[in-house]
Amino acid sequence: TDDYRFYFSFENSLCRDYVTEKLFNAMDNYVIPVVFGGADYTKFVPPHSVVNVQDFKTVKDLVNRLKFLADNPEEYVKYFWWKEHYRVVRNLPFCELCRVLHGSGGKPRYYEDIRTWWYEDACQVKAKIEF
């Protein structure tokens, strides 16, 4: 990764509840993840630690930002501030699933129509950026 400044971590689908493991692969190194997906990344990563494609109106705007960061080391390194305070932790989701399934208490939650939630609510078709 010494030869690279950015890691493109693009999702296969734009789903609000899913972030690819590729994002965390990038965060293990000193490269800035460039993310493209439907998730609210503020729920998954520290602030100012990724470049979100969805924050730009055009690809040209995104490219200009990446060029700026590549040409300005003092701005580039600001994306790694969090490494002094946090670390990447990889948890297997199955452990949490088992804990919840076997645990007691709490009100059960369910979706009346999982198909609608999955295909119409959880994922979007159109990206905010124009390609």
N, C-alpha and C. Protein backbone atom coordinates (compact mmCIF):
# COMPACT_ATOMS: atom_id res chain seq x y z
N THR A 1 0.81 -1.21 0.00
CA THR A 1 0.00 0.00 0.00
C THR A 1 0.85 1.27 0.00
N ASP A 2 2.16 1.14 0.11
CA ASP A 2 3.02 2.32 0.08
C ASP A 2 2.93 3.06 -1.25
N ASP A 3 2.53 2.35 -2.30
CA ASP A 3 2.45 2.96 -3.62
C ASP A 3 1.10 3.61 -3.90
N TYR A 4 0.16 3.47 -3.01
CA TYR A 4 -1.20 3.95 -3.26
C TYR A 4 -1.64 4.93 -2.18
N ARG A 5 -2.43 5.90 -2.60
CA ARG A 5 -2.96 6.88 -1.64
C ARG A 5 -4.43 6.65 -1.34
N PHE A 6 -5.14 6.01 -2.27
CA PHE A 6 -6.58 5.83 -2.13
C PHE A 6 -6.94 4.38 -2.41
N TYR A 7 -8.02 3.94 -1.77
CA TYR A 7 -8.54 2.59 -1.96
C TYR A 7 -10.02 2.74 -2.27
N PHE A 8 -10.42 2.32 -3.46
CA PHE A 8 -11.82 2.44 -3.86
C PHE A 8 -12.61 1.27 -3.30
N SER A 9 -13.49 1.59 -2.39
CA SER A 9 -14.32 0.60 -1.71
C SER A 9 -15.77 0.84 -2.13
N PHE A 10 -16.13 0.26 -3.27
CA PHE A 10 -17.46 0.47 -3.85
C PHE A 10 -18.35 -0.73 -3.56
N GLU A 11 -19.57 -0.44 -3.16
CA GLU A 11 -20.55 -1.49 -2.86
C GLU A 11 -21.16 -2.04 -4.15
N ASN A 12 -21.55 -3.29 -4.10
CA ASN A 12 -22.27 -3.89 -5.22
C ASN A 12 -23.69 -3.37 -5.30
N SER A 13 -24.26 -3.04 -4.14
CA SER A 13 -25.63 -2.52 -4.05
C SER A 13 -25.62 -1.32 -3.11
N LEU A 14 -26.53 -0.39 -3.34
CA LEU A 14 -26.61 0.80 -2.50
C LEU A 14 -27.62 0.57 -1.39
N CYS A 15 -27.20 -0.17 -0.38
CA CYS A 15 -28.08 -0.54 0.73
C CYS A 15 -27.67 0.20 2.00
N ARG A 16 -28.66 0.72 2.73
CA ARG A 16 -28.36 1.57 3.88
C ARG A 16 -27.82 0.81 5.09
N ASP A 17 -28.03 -0.48 5.15
CA ASP A 17 -27.60 -1.26 6.31
C ASP A 17 -26.42 -2.17 6.02
N TYR A 18 -25.68 -1.88 4.96
CA TYR A 18 -24.58 -2.77 4.59
C TYR A 18 -23.34 -1.96 4.22
N VAL A 19 -22.21 -2.38 4.75
CA VAL A 19 -20.91 -1.82 4.40
C VAL A 19 -19.99 -3.00 4.11
N THR A 20 -19.32 -2.95 2.98
CA THR A 20 -18.43 -4.04 2.59
C THR A 20 -17.21 -4.13 3.50
N GLU A 21 -16.70 -5.33 3.65
CA GLU A 21 -15.49 -5.54 4.44
C GLU A 21 -14.29 -4.86 3.79
N LYS A 22 -14.39 -4.55 2.49
CA LYS A 22 -13.29 -3.88 1.79
C LYS A 22 -12.96 -2.54 2.43
N LEU A 23 -13.96 -1.88 2.99
CA LEU A 23 -13.74 -0.60 3.67
C LEU A 23 -12.75 -0.79 4.82
N PHE A 24 -12.95 -1.81 5.61
CA PHE A 24 -12.10 -2.04 6.78
C PHE A 24 -10.72 -2.56 6.38
N ASN A 25 -10.64 -3.24 5.23
CA ASN A 25 -9.32 -3.63 4.70
C ASN A 25 -8.50 -2.37 4.44
N ALA A 26 -9.13 -1.37 3.85
CA ALA A 26 -8.44 -0.12 3.56
C ALA A 26 -8.05 0.60 4.84
N MET A 27 -8.93 0.60 5.82
CA MET A 27 -8.68 1.33 7.06
C MET A 27 -7.56 0.71 7.89
N ASP A 28 -7.23 -0.53 7.61
CA ASP A 28 -6.10 -1.18 8.28
C ASP A 28 -4.76 -0.61 7.80
N ASN A 29 -4.79 0.12 6.70
CA ASN A 29 -3.58 0.66 6.09
C ASN A 29 -3.64 2.18 6.05
N TYR A 30 -2.57 2.78 5.59
CA TYR A 30 -2.54 4.23 5.46
C TYR A 30 -2.89 4.63 4.03
N VAL A 31 -4.12 4.31 3.66
CA VAL A 31 -4.72 4.77 2.40
C VAL A 31 -6.09 5.32 2.76
N ILE A 32 -6.54 6.30 2.02
CA ILE A 32 -7.86 6.87 2.28
C ILE A 32 -8.90 6.05 1.53
N PRO A 33 -9.87 5.48 2.23
CA PRO A 33 -10.94 4.77 1.54
C PRO A 33 -11.84 5.76 0.80
N VAL A 34 -12.09 5.47 -0.46
CA VAL A 34 -13.07 6.22 -1.25
C VAL A 34 -14.28 5.31 -1.34
N VAL A 35 -15.35 5.68 -0.65
CA VAL A 35 -16.50 4.79 -0.51
C VAL A 35 -17.63 5.21 -1.43
N PHE A 36 -18.37 4.21 -1.88
CA PHE A 36 -19.56 4.43 -2.69
C PHE A 36 -20.57 3.37 -2.31
N GLY A 37 -21.61 3.80 -1.64
CA GLY A 37 -22.65 2.87 -1.21
C GLY A 37 -23.84 3.63 -0.68
N GLY A 38 -24.78 2.90 -0.14
CA GLY A 38 -26.00 3.52 0.37
C GLY A 38 -26.01 3.72 1.87
N ALA A 39 -24.96 3.28 2.55
CA ALA A 39 -24.92 3.35 4.02
C ALA A 39 -24.64 4.77 4.50
N ASP A 40 -25.03 5.03 5.72
CA ASP A 40 -24.64 6.24 6.42
C ASP A 40 -23.30 5.92 7.07
N TYR A 41 -22.22 6.29 6.41
CA TYR A 41 -20.89 5.89 6.86
C TYR A 41 -20.52 6.49 8.21
N THR A 42 -21.21 7.54 8.64
CA THR A 42 -20.93 8.11 9.96
C THR A 42 -21.26 7.12 11.08
N LYS A 43 -22.04 6.10 10.78
CA LYS A 43 -22.37 5.07 11.77
C LYS A 43 -21.31 3.97 11.83
N PHE A 44 -20.39 3.97 10.86
CA PHE A 44 -19.44 2.87 10.75
C PHE A 44 -17.98 3.29 10.93
N VAL A 45 -17.66 4.54 10.60
CA VAL A 45 -16.27 4.99 10.64
C VAL A 45 -16.17 6.34 11.33
N PRO A 46 -14.98 6.68 11.84
CA PRO A 46 -14.81 8.00 12.47
C PRO A 46 -15.01 9.12 11.45
N PRO A 47 -15.39 10.30 11.92
CA PRO A 47 -15.54 11.43 11.00
C PRO A 47 -14.22 11.76 10.31
N HIS A 48 -14.33 12.24 9.10
CA HIS A 48 -13.17 12.66 8.30
C HIS A 48 -12.13 11.54 8.17
N SER A 49 -12.62 10.34 7.87
CA SER A 49 -11.70 9.21 7.66
C SER A 49 -11.89 8.56 6.30
N VAL A 50 -12.91 8.97 5.57
CA VAL A 50 -13.17 8.45 4.23
C VAL A 50 -13.57 9.60 3.31
N VAL A 51 -13.45 9.35 2.00
CA VAL A 51 -14.02 10.24 1.00
C VAL A 51 -15.24 9.51 0.45
N ASN A 52 -16.40 10.13 0.61
CA ASN A 52 -17.65 9.50 0.17
C ASN A 52 -18.03 10.05 -1.21
N VAL A 53 -18.08 9.17 -2.19
CA VAL A 53 -18.42 9.57 -3.56
C VAL A 53 -19.76 10.30 -3.60
N GLN A 54 -20.69 9.89 -2.74
CA GLN A 54 -22.03 10.48 -2.74
C GLN A 54 -22.03 11.94 -2.27
N ASP A 55 -20.92 12.43 -1.73
CA ASP A 55 -20.82 13.83 -1.31
C ASP A 55 -20.52 14.77 -2.47
N PHE A 56 -20.32 14.24 -3.66
CA PHE A 56 -19.95 15.04 -4.82
C PHE A 56 -21.04 15.00 -5.88
N LYS A 57 -21.22 16.11 -6.57
CA LYS A 57 -22.26 16.18 -7.60
C LYS A 57 -21.82 15.51 -8.90
N THR A 58 -20.52 15.61 -9.20
CA THR A 58 -20.02 15.04 -10.45
C THR A 58 -18.72 14.28 -10.19
N VAL A 59 -18.37 13.44 -11.13
CA VAL A 59 -17.11 12.70 -11.04
C VAL A 59 -15.94 13.67 -11.09
N LYS A 60 -16.07 14.72 -11.88
CA LYS A 60 -15.01 15.73 -11.97
C LYS A 60 -14.73 16.35 -10.60
N ASP A 61 -15.79 16.66 -9.85
CA ASP A 61 -15.62 17.21 -8.50
C ASP A 61 -14.87 16.22 -7.60
N LEU A 62 -15.23 14.96 -7.70
CA LEU A 62 -14.55 13.92 -6.91
C LEU A 62 -13.08 13.84 -7.29
N VAL A 63 -12.79 13.79 -8.57
CA VAL A 63 -11.40 13.70 -9.04
C VAL A 63 -10.60 14.91 -8.58
N ASN A 64 -11.20 16.09 -8.65
CA ASN A 64 -10.50 17.29 -8.18
C ASN A 64 -10.15 17.19 -6.70
N ARG A 65 -11.05 16.64 -5.91
CA ARG A 65 -10.79 16.48 -4.47
C ARG A 65 -9.65 15.49 -4.24
N LEU A 66 -9.67 14.37 -4.96
CA LEU A 66 -8.62 13.37 -4.81
C LEU A 66 -7.27 13.92 -5.24
N LYS A 67 -7.25 14.68 -6.33
CA LYS A 67 -6.00 15.31 -6.78
C LYS A 67 -5.49 16.29 -5.73
N PHE A 68 -6.41 17.07 -5.16
CA PHE A 68 -6.03 18.02 -4.12
C PHE A 68 -5.38 17.31 -2.95
N LEU A 69 -6.00 16.23 -2.50
CA LEU A 69 -5.45 15.48 -1.37
C LEU A 69 -4.09 14.86 -1.71
N ALA A 70 -3.97 14.34 -2.92
CA ALA A 70 -2.70 13.72 -3.34
C ALA A 70 -1.58 14.75 -3.43
N ASP A 71 -1.93 15.98 -3.79
CA ASP A 71 -0.93 17.04 -3.96
C ASP A 71 -0.64 17.82 -2.69
N ASN A 72 -1.41 17.59 -1.64
CA ASN A 72 -1.27 18.34 -0.39
C ASN A 72 -1.14 17.38 0.80
N PRO A 73 0.09 16.94 1.07
CA PRO A 73 0.29 15.95 2.14
C PRO A 73 -0.28 16.35 3.49
N GLU A 74 -0.23 17.65 3.81
CA GLU A 74 -0.75 18.09 5.11
C GLU A 74 -2.25 17.88 5.21
N GLU A 75 -2.96 17.97 4.10
CA GLU A 75 -4.40 17.69 4.08
C GLU A 75 -4.67 16.19 4.04
N TYR A 76 -3.85 15.48 3.29
CA TYR A 76 -3.99 14.02 3.15
C TYR A 76 -3.89 13.33 4.51
N VAL A 77 -2.88 13.69 5.30
CA VAL A 77 -2.65 13.00 6.58
C VAL A 77 -3.74 13.27 7.60
N LYS A 78 -4.53 14.30 7.41
CA LYS A 78 -5.63 14.59 8.34
C LYS A 78 -6.67 13.48 8.35
N TYR A 79 -6.71 12.66 7.29
CA TYR A 79 -7.67 11.56 7.22
C TYR A 79 -7.28 10.40 8.14
N PHE A 80 -6.11 10.48 8.75
CA PHE A 80 -5.65 9.40 9.62
C PHE A 80 -5.58 9.81 11.08
N TRP A 81 -6.18 10.92 11.44
CA TRP A 81 -6.18 11.41 12.82
C TRP A 81 -6.69 10.35 13.78
N TRP A 82 -7.66 9.59 13.34
CA TRP A 82 -8.37 8.63 14.19
C TRP A 82 -7.48 7.47 14.63
N LYS A 83 -6.39 7.20 13.90
CA LYS A 83 -5.54 6.05 14.23
C LYS A 83 -4.88 6.18 15.60
N GLU A 84 -4.79 7.39 16.13
CA GLU A 84 -4.24 7.59 17.47
C GLU A 84 -5.26 7.29 18.56
N HIS A 85 -6.53 7.18 18.18
CA HIS A 85 -7.60 7.03 19.17
C HIS A 85 -8.42 5.74 19.00
N TYR A 86 -8.42 5.17 17.80
CA TYR A 86 -9.25 4.01 17.50
C TYR A 86 -8.41 2.96 16.79
N ARG A 87 -8.99 1.78 16.68
CA ARG A 87 -8.38 0.73 15.87
C ARG A 87 -9.50 -0.03 15.17
N VAL A 88 -9.16 -0.67 14.09
CA VAL A 88 -10.14 -1.46 13.35
C VAL A 88 -10.32 -2.79 14.08
N VAL A 89 -11.55 -3.11 14.41
CA VAL A 89 -11.88 -4.36 15.08
C VAL A 89 -12.79 -5.15 14.17
N ARG A 90 -12.43 -6.37 13.94
CA ARG A 90 -13.24 -7.22 13.07
C ARG A 90 -14.01 -8.22 13.93
N ASN A 91 -15.30 -8.04 13.96
CA ASN A 91 -16.16 -8.97 14.68
C ASN A 91 -16.95 -9.80 13.69
N LEU A 92 -17.10 -11.05 14.00
CA LEU A 92 -17.94 -11.88 13.15
C LEU A 92 -19.40 -11.63 13.51
N PRO A 93 -20.22 -11.27 12.54
CA PRO A 93 -21.61 -10.95 12.86
C PRO A 93 -22.38 -12.14 13.41
N PHE A 94 -21.89 -13.34 13.16
CA PHE A 94 -22.61 -14.52 13.63
C PHE A 94 -22.58 -14.62 15.15
N CYS A 95 -21.51 -14.14 15.76
CA CYS A 95 -21.43 -14.15 17.23
C CYS A 95 -22.52 -13.25 17.82
N GLU A 96 -22.68 -12.08 17.26
CA GLU A 96 -23.72 -11.16 17.73
C GLU A 96 -25.11 -11.75 17.46
N LEU A 97 -25.29 -12.37 16.31
CA LEU A 97 -26.57 -12.98 15.97
C LEU A 97 -26.93 -14.07 16.99
N CYS A 98 -25.99 -14.93 17.30
CA CYS A 98 -26.24 -16.00 18.28
C CYS A 98 -26.57 -15.41 19.65
N ARG A 99 -25.84 -14.38 20.06
CA ARG A 99 -26.09 -13.75 21.36
C ARG A 99 -27.52 -13.22 21.42
N VAL A 100 -27.96 -12.57 20.37
CA VAL A 100 -29.31 -12.01 20.35
C VAL A 100 -30.36 -13.11 20.30
N LEU A 101 -30.12 -14.13 19.48
CA LEU A 101 -31.10 -15.21 19.35
C LEU A 101 -31.26 -16.02 20.63
N HIS A 102 -30.17 -16.21 21.36
CA HIS A 102 -30.22 -17.02 22.57
C HIS A 102 -30.43 -16.20 23.84
N GLY A 103 -30.36 -14.90 23.71
CA GLY A 103 -30.53 -14.04 24.87
C GLY A 103 -31.99 -13.94 25.27
N SER A 104 -32.19 -13.46 26.46
CA SER A 104 -33.57 -13.29 26.93
C SER A 104 -33.85 -11.81 27.08
N GLY A 105 -35.10 -11.50 27.14
CA GLY A 105 -35.50 -10.10 27.31
C GLY A 105 -35.54 -9.39 25.98
N GLY A 106 -35.97 -8.17 26.04
CA GLY A 106 -36.08 -7.40 24.82
C GLY A 106 -37.34 -7.74 24.06
N LYS A 107 -37.84 -6.77 23.38
CA LYS A 107 -39.05 -6.97 22.61
C LYS A 107 -38.70 -7.50 21.22
N PRO A 108 -39.32 -8.58 20.80
CA PRO A 108 -39.04 -9.10 19.45
C PRO A 108 -39.44 -8.07 18.39
N ARG A 109 -38.65 -8.01 17.34
CA ARG A 109 -38.97 -7.13 16.22
C ARG A 109 -39.02 -7.96 14.95
N TYR A 110 -39.90 -7.57 14.07
CA TYR A 110 -40.00 -8.28 12.80
C TYR A 110 -40.60 -7.35 11.76
N TYR A 111 -40.45 -7.73 10.52
CA TYR A 111 -41.02 -6.98 9.41
C TYR A 111 -42.24 -7.73 8.89
N GLU A 112 -43.33 -7.03 8.75
CA GLU A 112 -44.54 -7.63 8.20
C GLU A 112 -44.29 -8.13 6.78
N ASP A 113 -43.53 -7.36 6.04
CA ASP A 113 -43.29 -7.69 4.64
C ASP A 113 -41.79 -7.54 4.36
N ILE A 114 -41.04 -8.59 4.57
CA ILE A 114 -39.58 -8.54 4.41
C ILE A 114 -39.20 -8.23 2.97
N ARG A 115 -39.98 -8.69 2.02
CA ARG A 115 -39.69 -8.44 0.60
C ARG A 115 -39.71 -6.95 0.30
N THR A 116 -40.72 -6.25 0.79
CA THR A 116 -40.80 -4.80 0.57
C THR A 116 -39.63 -4.10 1.23
N TRP A 117 -39.33 -4.48 2.47
CA TRP A 117 -38.20 -3.86 3.17
C TRP A 117 -36.91 -4.10 2.39
N TRP A 118 -36.67 -5.30 1.98
CA TRP A 118 -35.41 -5.65 1.32
C TRP A 118 -35.27 -5.00 -0.05
N TYR A 119 -36.32 -5.09 -0.85
CA TYR A 119 -36.22 -4.63 -2.24
C TYR A 119 -36.62 -3.18 -2.45
N GLU A 120 -37.41 -2.61 -1.56
CA GLU A 120 -37.89 -1.25 -1.80
C GLU A 120 -37.40 -0.25 -0.76
N ASP A 121 -37.15 -0.69 0.46
CA ASP A 121 -36.75 0.22 1.54
C ASP A 121 -35.24 0.24 1.78
N ALA A 122 -34.64 -0.92 1.88
CA ALA A 122 -33.25 -1.02 2.33
C ALA A 122 -32.24 -0.58 1.28
N CYS A 123 -32.57 -0.77 0.02
CA CYS A 123 -31.63 -0.47 -1.05
C CYS A 123 -32.24 0.53 -2.03
N GLN A 124 -31.37 1.39 -2.55
CA GLN A 124 -31.83 2.34 -3.55
C GLN A 124 -31.19 2.01 -4.88
N VAL A 125 -31.80 2.44 -5.93
CA VAL A 125 -31.31 2.12 -7.26
C VAL A 125 -30.42 3.24 -7.79
N LYS A 126 -30.80 4.46 -7.55
CA LYS A 126 -30.12 5.60 -8.16
C LYS A 126 -29.10 6.22 -7.22
N ALA A 127 -27.91 6.46 -7.74
CA ALA A 127 -26.86 7.13 -6.99
C ALA A 127 -27.07 8.64 -7.05
N LYS A 128 -26.52 9.35 -6.07
CA LYS A 128 -26.63 10.80 -6.04
C LYS A 128 -25.67 11.47 -7.03
N ILE A 129 -24.56 10.81 -7.33
CA ILE A 129 -23.57 11.38 -8.24
C ILE A 129 -23.90 10.99 -9.67
N GLU A 130 -23.59 11.86 -10.60
CA GLU A 130 -23.83 11.57 -12.01
C GLU A 130 -22.55 11.02 -12.63
N PHE A 131 -22.66 9.84 -13.25
CA PHE A 131 -21.51 9.25 -13.93
C PHE A 131 -21.57 9.54 -15.40
